[in-house]
């Protein structure tokens, strides 16, 4: 399976990818199990804390059926470290030659970020047909994505940023949206409190969303 096919398989398996910032790696396994129980097998752990790599390794090693990825990948070093930790996919908020070079040297798929037609086209030239649209809300949201669909029909997006339970279905109805990313499924206060029942419930509600476009 090619990297592109692997990424397509991952993003098409869930309507919502939880985007999680973890301060404590010991929360990673129960969090992933709660998400999985709710029907979301894919989770993105952002590299914004010192606990992120340990969290990725814990989920990769202990939660059968879960697919863990690394988010906020900003450098080749982070890409390599995340791959060693067991990340099955990488997500970057934008694009840089360093991150693209790391992706070329790896079998782990990258979902790079884009927010303008020029960025989308540059990534398309690199073979990326699935891209993160970030920050979705501030960059123009649903209207902007609709405008991109006609001139760039070959590209599918995972919009992230400013998306929640109230508007996720509207994004998923777009023809060029394959899934959405968001933090509302695993709220920081619920993680801190160890409220896995709440997170499982939110995951179940998110998993019930379906593509209609």
C-alpha atoms as a PDB file:
ATOM      1  CA  UNK A   1       0.000   0.000   0.000  1.00  0.00           C
ATOM      2  CA  UNK A   2       1.389   3.406  -0.975  1.00  0.00           C
ATOM      3  CA  UNK A   3       1.593   6.295   1.480  1.00  0.00           C
ATOM      4  CA  UNK A   4      -1.272   8.009  -0.323  1.00  0.00           C
ATOM      5  CA  UNK A   5      -3.436   4.895  -0.119  1.00  0.00           C
ATOM      6  CA  UNK A   6      -2.576   4.456   3.550  1.00  0.00           C
ATOM      7  CA  UNK A   7      -3.582   8.017   4.364  1.00  0.00           C
ATOM      8  CA  UNK A   8      -6.784   7.675   2.370  1.00  0.00           C
ATOM      9  CA  UNK A   9      -7.664   4.531   4.298  1.00  0.00           C
ATOM     10  CA  UNK A  10      -7.110   6.315   7.620  1.00  0.00           C
ATOM     11  CA  UNK A  11      -9.028   9.515   6.919  1.00  0.00           C
ATOM     12  CA  UNK A  12     -11.948   7.705   5.304  1.00  0.00           C
ATOM     13  CA  UNK A  13     -12.364   5.391   8.298  1.00  0.00           C
ATOM     14  CA  UNK A  14     -13.770   8.119  10.582  1.00  0.00           C
ATOM     15  CA  UNK A  15     -15.767  11.314  10.012  1.00  0.00           C
ATOM     16  CA  UNK A  16     -13.912  13.087  12.826  1.00  0.00           C
ATOM     17  CA  UNK A  17     -10.271  12.900  13.893  1.00  0.00           C
ATOM     18  CA  UNK A  18      -9.886  14.019  17.519  1.00  0.00           C
ATOM     19  CA  UNK A  19      -7.018  16.514  17.821  1.00  0.00           C
ATOM     20  CA  UNK A  20      -5.573  16.179  21.309  1.00  0.00           C
ATOM     21  CA  UNK A  21      -3.056  18.121  23.383  1.00  0.00           C
ATOM     22  CA  UNK A  22      -1.885  15.921  26.257  1.00  0.00           C
ATOM     23  CA  UNK A  23      -0.046  17.286  29.249  1.00  0.00           C
ATOM     24  CA  UNK A  24       0.206  13.860  30.908  1.00  0.00           C
ATOM     25  CA  UNK A  25       1.171  10.770  28.943  1.00  0.00           C
ATOM     26  CA  UNK A  26      -0.532   8.480  31.475  1.00  0.00           C
ATOM     27  CA  UNK A  27      -3.873   9.721  30.145  1.00  0.00           C
ATOM     28  CA  UNK A  28      -3.099   8.530  26.622  1.00  0.00           C
ATOM     29  CA  UNK A  29      -4.176   4.896  26.899  1.00  0.00           C
ATOM     30  CA  UNK A  30      -7.513   5.436  28.694  1.00  0.00           C
ATOM     31  CA  UNK A  31      -8.248   8.329  26.334  1.00  0.00           C
ATOM     32  CA  UNK A  32      -7.618   6.228  23.230  1.00  0.00           C
ATOM     33  CA  UNK A  33      -9.685   3.383  24.661  1.00  0.00           C
ATOM     34  CA  UNK A  34     -12.597   5.737  25.347  1.00  0.00           C
ATOM     35  CA  UNK A  35     -12.434   7.149  21.818  1.00  0.00           C
ATOM     36  CA  UNK A  36     -12.241   3.645  20.362  1.00  0.00           C
ATOM     37  CA  UNK A  37     -15.204   2.485  22.444  1.00  0.00           C
ATOM     38  CA  UNK A  38     -17.154   5.433  21.064  1.00  0.00           C
ATOM     39  CA  UNK A  39     -16.328   4.502  17.481  1.00  0.00           C
ATOM     40  CA  UNK A  40     -13.352   6.738  16.703  1.00  0.00           C
ATOM     41  CA  UNK A  41     -10.288   4.619  16.029  1.00  0.00           C
ATOM     42  CA  UNK A  42      -8.094   7.470  14.785  1.00  0.00           C
ATOM     43  CA  UNK A  43      -6.544  10.059  17.120  1.00  0.00           C
ATOM     44  CA  UNK A  44      -4.035  12.837  16.479  1.00  0.00           C
ATOM     45  CA  UNK A  45      -1.707  13.683  19.373  1.00  0.00           C
ATOM     46  CA  UNK A  46      -0.178  17.096  18.783  1.00  0.00           C
ATOM     47  CA  UNK A  47       3.506  17.676  19.454  1.00  0.00           C
ATOM     48  CA  UNK A  48       2.797  20.720  21.596  1.00  0.00           C
ATOM     49  CA  UNK A  49       3.855  19.221  24.932  1.00  0.00           C
ATOM     50  CA  UNK A  50       6.722  17.199  26.313  1.00  0.00           C
ATOM     51  CA  UNK A  51       4.339  14.314  26.905  1.00  0.00           C
ATOM     52  CA  UNK A  52       3.330  13.895  23.263  1.00  0.00           C
ATOM     53  CA  UNK A  53       5.882  11.328  22.084  1.00  0.00           C
ATOM     54  CA  UNK A  54       5.393   9.153  25.170  1.00  0.00           C
ATOM     55  CA  UNK A  55       1.631   9.384  24.635  1.00  0.00           C
ATOM     56  CA  UNK A  56       1.977   8.274  21.013  1.00  0.00           C
ATOM     57  CA  UNK A  57       4.195   5.372  22.032  1.00  0.00           C
ATOM     58  CA  UNK A  58       1.753   4.283  24.743  1.00  0.00           C
ATOM     59  CA  UNK A  59      -1.248   4.265  22.392  1.00  0.00           C
ATOM     60  CA  UNK A  60       0.706   2.538  19.624  1.00  0.00           C
ATOM     61  CA  UNK A  61       1.904  -0.150  22.008  1.00  0.00           C
ATOM     62  CA  UNK A  62      -1.131  -0.731  24.214  1.00  0.00           C
ATOM     63  CA  UNK A  63      -4.378   0.105  22.414  1.00  0.00           C
ATOM     64  CA  UNK A  64      -5.185  -2.535  19.840  1.00  0.00           C
ATOM     65  CA  UNK A  65      -7.329  -1.198  17.015  1.00  0.00           C
ATOM     66  CA  UNK A  66      -6.375   2.438  17.532  1.00  0.00           C
ATOM     67  CA  UNK A  67      -4.536   4.416  14.861  1.00  0.00           C
ATOM     68  CA  UNK A  68      -2.426   7.149  16.434  1.00  0.00           C
ATOM     69  CA  UNK A  69      -0.883  10.005  14.503  1.00  0.00           C
ATOM     70  CA  UNK A  70       1.369  12.932  15.346  1.00  0.00           C
ATOM     71  CA  UNK A  71       0.082  16.457  14.824  1.00  0.00           C
ATOM     72  CA  UNK A  72       1.807  19.831  14.659  1.00  0.00           C
ATOM     73  CA  UNK A  73       4.824  18.223  12.975  1.00  0.00           C
ATOM     74  CA  UNK A  74       7.066  21.178  12.173  1.00  0.00           C
ATOM     75  CA  UNK A  75      10.471  19.638  11.398  1.00  0.00           C
ATOM     76  CA  UNK A  76      12.270  16.571  10.104  1.00  0.00           C
ATOM     77  CA  UNK A  77      13.424  15.834  13.646  1.00  0.00           C
ATOM     78  CA  UNK A  78       9.858  15.746  14.917  1.00  0.00           C
ATOM     79  CA  UNK A  79       8.800  13.587  11.973  1.00  0.00           C
ATOM     80  CA  UNK A  80      11.536  11.034  12.668  1.00  0.00           C
ATOM     81  CA  UNK A  81      10.915  11.021  16.426  1.00  0.00           C
ATOM     82  CA  UNK A  82       7.177  10.539  15.922  1.00  0.00           C
ATOM     83  CA  UNK A  83       7.766   7.669  13.523  1.00  0.00           C
ATOM     84  CA  UNK A  84      10.050   5.980  16.067  1.00  0.00           C
ATOM     85  CA  UNK A  85       7.357   6.443  18.718  1.00  0.00           C
ATOM     86  CA  UNK A  86       4.876   4.559  16.554  1.00  0.00           C
ATOM     87  CA  UNK A  87       2.863   7.264  14.807  1.00  0.00           C
ATOM     88  CA  UNK A  88       0.944   5.842  11.846  1.00  0.00           C
ATOM     89  CA  UNK A  89       0.421   9.199  10.153  1.00  0.00           C
ATOM     90  CA  UNK A  90       1.747  12.752  10.408  1.00  0.00           C
ATOM     91  CA  UNK A  91      -0.122  16.048  10.266  1.00  0.00           C
ATOM     92  CA  UNK A  92       1.446  19.455   9.724  1.00  0.00           C
ATOM     93  CA  UNK A  93      -0.342  22.812  10.069  1.00  0.00           C
ATOM     94  CA  UNK A  94       1.440  24.079   6.973  1.00  0.00           C
ATOM     95  CA  UNK A  95       4.178  23.062   4.581  1.00  0.00           C
ATOM     96  CA  UNK A  96       7.951  23.312   4.689  1.00  0.00           C
ATOM     97  CA  UNK A  97      10.749  21.801   2.591  1.00  0.00           C
ATOM     98  CA  UNK A  98      12.112  20.143   5.760  1.00  0.00           C
ATOM     99  CA  UNK A  99       8.878  18.307   6.540  1.00  0.00           C
ATOM    100  CA  UNK A 100       8.312  17.330   2.901  1.00  0.00           C
ATOM    101  CA  UNK A 101      11.849  15.932   2.740  1.00  0.00           C
ATOM    102  CA  UNK A 102      11.203  13.864   5.865  1.00  0.00           C
ATOM    103  CA  UNK A 103       8.021  12.501   4.309  1.00  0.00           C
ATOM    104  CA  UNK A 104       9.847  11.460   1.157  1.00  0.00           C
ATOM    105  CA  UNK A 105      12.285   9.428   3.262  1.00  0.00           C
ATOM    106  CA  UNK A 106       9.535   7.685   5.235  1.00  0.00           C
ATOM    107  CA  UNK A 107       6.820   5.101   4.638  1.00  0.00           C
ATOM    108  CA  UNK A 108       4.538   6.939   7.102  1.00  0.00           C
ATOM    109  CA  UNK A 109       2.002   9.164   5.288  1.00  0.00           C
ATOM    110  CA  UNK A 110       1.873  12.911   5.800  1.00  0.00           C
ATOM    111  CA  UNK A 111      -1.204  15.111   5.680  1.00  0.00           C
ATOM    112  CA  UNK A 112       0.301  18.564   5.098  1.00  0.00           C
ATOM    113  CA  UNK A 113      -1.551  21.780   5.787  1.00  0.00           C
ATOM    114  CA  UNK A 114      -2.627  24.396   3.247  1.00  0.00           C
ATOM    115  CA  UNK A 115      -4.715  27.547   3.409  1.00  0.00           C
ATOM    116  CA  UNK A 116      -4.351  29.132  -0.054  1.00  0.00           C
ATOM    117  CA  UNK A 117      -4.766  27.901  -3.647  1.00  0.00           C
ATOM    118  CA  UNK A 118      -1.016  28.315  -4.226  1.00  0.00           C
ATOM    119  CA  UNK A 119      -0.199  26.119  -1.228  1.00  0.00           C
ATOM    120  CA  UNK A 120      -2.739  23.532  -2.346  1.00  0.00           C
ATOM    121  CA  UNK A 121      -1.272  23.461  -5.868  1.00  0.00           C
ATOM    122  CA  UNK A 122       2.304  23.204  -4.581  1.00  0.00           C
ATOM    123  CA  UNK A 123       1.337  20.192  -2.495  1.00  0.00           C
ATOM    124  CA  UNK A 124      -0.601  18.744  -5.411  1.00  0.00           C
ATOM    125  CA  UNK A 125       2.604  18.863  -7.470  1.00  0.00           C
ATOM    126  CA  UNK A 126       4.239  16.827  -4.678  1.00  0.00           C
ATOM    127  CA  UNK A 127       1.513  14.197  -4.987  1.00  0.00           C
ATOM    128  CA  UNK A 128      -0.602  15.190  -1.987  1.00  0.00           C
ATOM    129  CA  UNK A 129      -4.279  14.830  -2.829  1.00  0.00           C
ATOM    130  CA  UNK A 130      -5.443  14.830   0.809  1.00  0.00           C
ATOM    131  CA  UNK A 131      -4.522  17.968   2.695  1.00  0.00           C
ATOM    132  CA  UNK A 132      -5.300  19.585   6.019  1.00  0.00           C
ATOM    133  CA  UNK A 133      -7.165  22.882   5.622  1.00  0.00           C
ATOM    134  CA  UNK A 134      -5.987  25.017   8.527  1.00  0.00           C
ATOM    135  CA  UNK A 135      -7.049  27.174  10.249  1.00  0.00           C
ATOM    136  CA  UNK A 136     -10.421  26.339   8.730  1.00  0.00           C
ATOM    137  CA  UNK A 137     -12.633  28.909  10.447  1.00  0.00           C
ATOM    138  CA  UNK A 138     -10.329  31.934  10.260  1.00  0.00           C
ATOM    139  CA  UNK A 139      -9.247  31.029   6.705  1.00  0.00           C
ATOM    140  CA  UNK A 140     -12.771  31.224   5.330  1.00  0.00           C
ATOM    141  CA  UNK A 141     -14.532  28.074   6.470  1.00  0.00           C
ATOM    142  CA  UNK A 142     -17.285  26.419   4.483  1.00  0.00           C
ATOM    143  CA  UNK A 143     -17.636  29.175   1.876  1.00  0.00           C
ATOM    144  CA  UNK A 144     -13.903  29.088   1.155  1.00  0.00           C
ATOM    145  CA  UNK A 145     -13.852  25.304   0.755  1.00  0.00           C
ATOM    146  CA  UNK A 146     -16.820  25.483  -1.606  1.00  0.00           C
ATOM    147  CA  UNK A 147     -14.891  27.987  -3.712  1.00  0.00           C
ATOM    148  CA  UNK A 148     -11.870  25.658  -3.893  1.00  0.00           C
ATOM    149  CA  UNK A 149     -13.896  22.651  -5.030  1.00  0.00           C
ATOM    150  CA  UNK A 150     -14.429  23.711  -8.641  1.00  0.00           C
ATOM    151  CA  UNK A 151     -10.876  24.760  -9.659  1.00  0.00           C
ATOM    152  CA  UNK A 152      -9.206  22.052  -7.521  1.00  0.00           C
ATOM    153  CA  UNK A 153     -11.512  19.017  -7.817  1.00  0.00           C
ATOM    154  CA  UNK A 154      -8.767  16.441  -7.251  1.00  0.00           C
ATOM    155  CA  UNK A 155      -8.034  17.624  -3.722  1.00  0.00           C
ATOM    156  CA  UNK A 156      -9.788  16.429  -0.573  1.00  0.00           C
ATOM    157  CA  UNK A 157      -9.450  18.261   2.714  1.00  0.00           C
ATOM    158  CA  UNK A 158      -9.539  17.585   6.423  1.00  0.00           C
ATOM    159  CA  UNK A 159     -10.488  21.021   7.764  1.00  0.00           C
ATOM    160  CA  UNK A 160      -9.349  21.748  11.309  1.00  0.00           C
ATOM    161  CA  UNK A 161      -9.623  24.856  13.459  1.00  0.00           C
ATOM    162  CA  UNK A 162     -12.900  26.391  14.561  1.00  0.00           C
ATOM    163  CA  UNK A 163     -14.866  23.181  14.032  1.00  0.00           C
ATOM    164  CA  UNK A 164     -17.117  21.713  16.704  1.00  0.00           C
ATOM    165  CA  UNK A 165     -20.223  19.642  17.220  1.00  0.00           C
ATOM    166  CA  UNK A 166     -22.421  22.512  15.992  1.00  0.00           C
ATOM    167  CA  UNK A 167     -20.882  22.859  12.516  1.00  0.00           C
ATOM    168  CA  UNK A 168     -19.027  19.595  11.802  1.00  0.00           C
ATOM    169  CA  UNK A 169     -21.915  18.176   9.767  1.00  0.00           C
ATOM    170  CA  UNK A 170     -21.936  21.259   7.512  1.00  0.00           C
ATOM    171  CA  UNK A 171     -18.275  20.715   6.698  1.00  0.00           C
ATOM    172  CA  UNK A 172     -18.778  16.993   6.130  1.00  0.00           C
ATOM    173  CA  UNK A 173     -21.531  17.744   3.617  1.00  0.00           C
ATOM    174  CA  UNK A 174     -18.994  19.386   1.274  1.00  0.00           C
ATOM    175  CA  UNK A 175     -17.843  17.346  -1.706  1.00  0.00           C
ATOM    176  CA  UNK A 176     -14.163  18.101  -1.079  1.00  0.00           C
ATOM    177  CA  UNK A 177     -14.139  17.311   2.651  1.00  0.00           C
ATOM    178  CA  UNK A 178     -13.150  13.756   3.565  1.00  0.00           C
ATOM    179  CA  UNK A 179     -13.228  14.199   7.355  1.00  0.00           C
ATOM    180  CA  UNK A 180     -12.797  16.955   9.935  1.00  0.00           C
ATOM    181  CA  UNK A 181     -10.401  17.440  12.820  1.00  0.00           C
ATOM    182  CA  UNK A 182     -11.356  18.901  16.161  1.00  0.00           C
ATOM    183  CA  UNK A 183     -10.666  19.028  19.864  1.00  0.00           C
ATOM    184  CA  UNK A 184     -14.264  19.065  21.087  1.00  0.00           C
ATOM    185  CA  UNK A 185     -14.414  15.253  21.213  1.00  0.00           C
ATOM    186  CA  UNK A 186     -11.768  15.136  23.952  1.00  0.00           C
ATOM    187  CA  UNK A 187     -12.086  18.365  25.986  1.00  0.00           C
ATOM    188  CA  UNK A 188      -9.019  19.193  28.109  1.00  0.00           C
ATOM    189  CA  UNK A 189     -11.101  19.410  31.280  1.00  0.00           C
ATOM    190  CA  UNK A 190     -12.546  15.936  30.672  1.00  0.00           C
ATOM    191  CA  UNK A 191      -9.071  14.506  30.094  1.00  0.00           C
ATOM    192  CA  UNK A 192      -7.751  16.168  33.241  1.00  0.00           C
ATOM    193  CA  UNK A 193     -10.667  14.823  35.278  1.00  0.00           C
ATOM    194  CA  UNK A 194     -10.358  11.352  33.757  1.00  0.00           C
ATOM    195  CA  UNK A 195     -13.968  11.551  32.609  1.00  0.00           C
ATOM    196  CA  UNK A 196     -13.650   8.790  30.032  1.00  0.00           C
ATOM    197  CA  UNK A 197     -17.402   8.180  30.038  1.00  0.00           C
ATOM    198  CA  UNK A 198     -18.006  11.704  28.778  1.00  0.00           C
ATOM    199  CA  UNK A 199     -15.328  11.360  26.111  1.00  0.00           C
ATOM    200  CA  UNK A 200     -16.771   8.038  24.957  1.00  0.00           C
ATOM    201  CA  UNK A 201     -20.195   9.690  24.649  1.00  0.00           C
ATOM    202  CA  UNK A 202     -18.772  12.602  22.647  1.00  0.00           C
ATOM    203  CA  UNK A 203     -16.884  10.154  20.434  1.00  0.00           C
ATOM    204  CA  UNK A 204     -20.051   8.175  19.787  1.00  0.00           C
ATOM    205  CA  UNK A 205     -21.886  11.336  18.750  1.00  0.00           C
ATOM    206  CA  UNK A 206     -19.004  12.340  16.454  1.00  0.00           C
ATOM    207  CA  UNK A 207     -18.742   8.864  14.940  1.00  0.00           C
ATOM    208  CA  UNK A 208     -22.453   9.019  14.066  1.00  0.00           C
ATOM    209  CA  UNK A 209     -21.784  11.921  11.711  1.00  0.00           C
ATOM    210  CA  UNK A 210     -21.642  10.740   8.130  1.00  0.00           C
ATOM    211  CA  UNK A 211     -20.437  12.083   4.847  1.00  0.00           C
ATOM    212  CA  UNK A 212     -23.333  13.292   2.731  1.00  0.00           C
ATOM    213  CA  UNK A 213     -21.452  15.076  -0.040  1.00  0.00           C
END
